[in-house]
Amino acid sequence: MVASVAESSLRAVSQYWHMMTMATCVMVPANPVVLTYLRLHLRRYSMLSSAEEGKFAAFCAKVRSYTDYTMIIVRL
């Protein structure tokens, strides 16, 4: 059975947030402009707390703050 365009789009969005979650757990962008964009992006989407995207964004923002702290310690 062929998935509809809406189903494939939802699957792509879900995969995007899974990848974003994984990336924010292991690295911090070196470019300050990219880091600022990431913070704003996560803040914006975390306001959608009822949607799946909002839950992923809130988790990513929380983990990103831990990752920032860990990277500071590693650089010392």
C-alpha atoms as a PDB file:
ATOM      1  CA  MET A   1       0.000   0.000   0.000  1.00  0.00           C
ATOM      2  CA  VAL A   2       1.365   3.395  -0.972  1.00  0.00           C
ATOM      3  CA  ALA A   3       1.599   5.964   1.820  1.00  0.00           C
ATOM      4  CA  SER A   4      -0.130   9.244   1.188  1.00  0.00           C
ATOM      5  CA  VAL A   5       1.803  12.487   0.904  1.00  0.00           C
ATOM      6  CA  ALA A   6       0.568  13.601   4.336  1.00  0.00           C
ATOM      7  CA  GLU A   7       1.720  10.363   5.973  1.00  0.00           C
ATOM      8  CA  SER A   8       5.158  10.560   4.371  1.00  0.00           C
ATOM      9  CA  SER A   9       5.442  14.213   5.377  1.00  0.00           C
ATOM     10  CA  LEU A  10       4.603  13.383   8.999  1.00  0.00           C
ATOM     11  CA  ARG A  11       7.153  10.583   8.945  1.00  0.00           C
ATOM     12  CA  ALA A  12       9.807  12.967   7.592  1.00  0.00           C
ATOM     13  CA  VAL A  13       9.080  15.526  10.318  1.00  0.00           C
ATOM     14  CA  SER A  14       9.307  12.815  12.965  1.00  0.00           C
ATOM     15  CA  GLN A  15      12.636  11.608  11.563  1.00  0.00           C
ATOM     16  CA  TYR A  16      13.908  15.207  11.544  1.00  0.00           C
ATOM     17  CA  TRP A  17      13.158  15.585  15.252  1.00  0.00           C
ATOM     18  CA  HIS A  18      14.757  12.225  16.043  1.00  0.00           C
ATOM     19  CA  MET A  19      17.916  13.345  14.237  1.00  0.00           C
ATOM     20  CA  MET A  20      17.832  16.754  15.956  1.00  0.00           C
ATOM     21  CA  THR A  21      17.531  15.029  19.341  1.00  0.00           C
ATOM     22  CA  MET A  22      20.514  12.821  18.631  1.00  0.00           C
ATOM     23  CA  ALA A  23      22.634  15.718  17.344  1.00  0.00           C
ATOM     24  CA  THR A  24      21.920  18.009  20.289  1.00  0.00           C
ATOM     25  CA  CYS A  25      22.948  15.253  22.694  1.00  0.00           C
ATOM     26  CA  VAL A  26      26.435  14.873  21.247  1.00  0.00           C
ATOM     27  CA  MET A  27      27.607  18.199  19.847  1.00  0.00           C
ATOM     28  CA  VAL A  28      27.398  21.970  20.058  1.00  0.00           C
ATOM     29  CA  PRO A  29      27.676  24.105  16.904  1.00  0.00           C
ATOM     30  CA  ALA A  30      31.010  25.960  16.824  1.00  0.00           C
ATOM     31  CA  ASN A  31      29.562  28.864  14.852  1.00  0.00           C
ATOM     32  CA  PRO A  32      27.791  31.289  17.246  1.00  0.00           C
ATOM     33  CA  VAL A  33      25.265  32.281  14.563  1.00  0.00           C
ATOM     34  CA  VAL A  34      24.220  28.641  14.093  1.00  0.00           C
ATOM     35  CA  LEU A  35      24.032  28.160  17.876  1.00  0.00           C
ATOM     36  CA  THR A  36      21.803  31.230  18.229  1.00  0.00           C
ATOM     37  CA  TYR A  37      19.569  29.991  15.411  1.00  0.00           C
ATOM     38  CA  LEU A  38      19.349  26.567  17.060  1.00  0.00           C
ATOM     39  CA  ARG A  39      18.360  28.092  20.409  1.00  0.00           C
ATOM     40  CA  LEU A  40      15.657  30.227  18.793  1.00  0.00           C
ATOM     41  CA  HIS A  41      14.386  27.313  16.703  1.00  0.00           C
ATOM     42  CA  LEU A  42      14.103  25.054  19.740  1.00  0.00           C
ATOM     43  CA  ARG A  43      12.477  27.775  21.835  1.00  0.00           C
ATOM     44  CA  ARG A  44       9.899  28.459  19.123  1.00  0.00           C
ATOM     45  CA  TYR A  45       8.955  24.818  18.675  1.00  0.00           C
ATOM     46  CA  SER A  46       8.984  24.014  22.389  1.00  0.00           C
ATOM     47  CA  MET A  47       6.004  26.372  22.742  1.00  0.00           C
ATOM     48  CA  LEU A  48       3.984  23.733  20.867  1.00  0.00           C
ATOM     49  CA  SER A  49       3.911  21.550  23.963  1.00  0.00           C
ATOM     50  CA  SER A  50       0.873  19.534  22.880  1.00  0.00           C
ATOM     51  CA  ALA A  51       2.404  18.498  19.554  1.00  0.00           C
ATOM     52  CA  GLU A  52       5.099  15.852  19.134  1.00  0.00           C
ATOM     53  CA  GLU A  53       7.440  18.507  17.731  1.00  0.00           C
ATOM     54  CA  GLY A  54       7.047  20.571  20.899  1.00  0.00           C
ATOM     55  CA  LYS A  55       7.961  17.659  23.119  1.00  0.00           C
ATOM     56  CA  PHE A  56      11.061  16.882  21.060  1.00  0.00           C
ATOM     57  CA  ALA A  57      12.065  20.576  20.983  1.00  0.00           C
ATOM     58  CA  ALA A  58      11.686  20.954  24.753  1.00  0.00           C
ATOM     59  CA  PHE A  59      13.826  17.860  25.291  1.00  0.00           C
ATOM     60  CA  CYS A  60      16.447  19.088  22.802  1.00  0.00           C
ATOM     61  CA  ALA A  61      16.630  22.490  24.508  1.00  0.00           C
ATOM     62  CA  LYS A  62      17.097  20.849  27.900  1.00  0.00           C
ATOM     63  CA  VAL A  63      19.768  18.447  26.631  1.00  0.00           C
ATOM     64  CA  ARG A  64      21.512  21.202  24.668  1.00  0.00           C
ATOM     65  CA  SER A  65      22.071  23.170  27.865  1.00  0.00           C
ATOM     66  CA  TYR A  66      23.724  20.086  29.401  1.00  0.00           C
ATOM     67  CA  THR A  67      25.806  19.610  26.262  1.00  0.00           C
ATOM     68  CA  ASP A  68      26.963  23.260  26.417  1.00  0.00           C
ATOM     69  CA  TYR A  69      28.096  22.721  30.006  1.00  0.00           C
ATOM     70  CA  THR A  70      29.864  19.454  29.181  1.00  0.00           C
ATOM     71  CA  MET A  71      31.681  20.992  26.220  1.00  0.00           C
ATOM     72  CA  ILE A  72      32.965  23.834  28.427  1.00  0.00           C
ATOM     73  CA  ILE A  73      34.385  21.309  30.876  1.00  0.00           C
ATOM     74  CA  VAL A  74      35.993  19.256  28.085  1.00  0.00           C
ATOM     75  CA  ARG A  75      37.654  22.372  26.590  1.00  0.00           C
ATOM     76  CA  LEU A  76      39.243  23.256  29.943  1.00  0.00           C
END
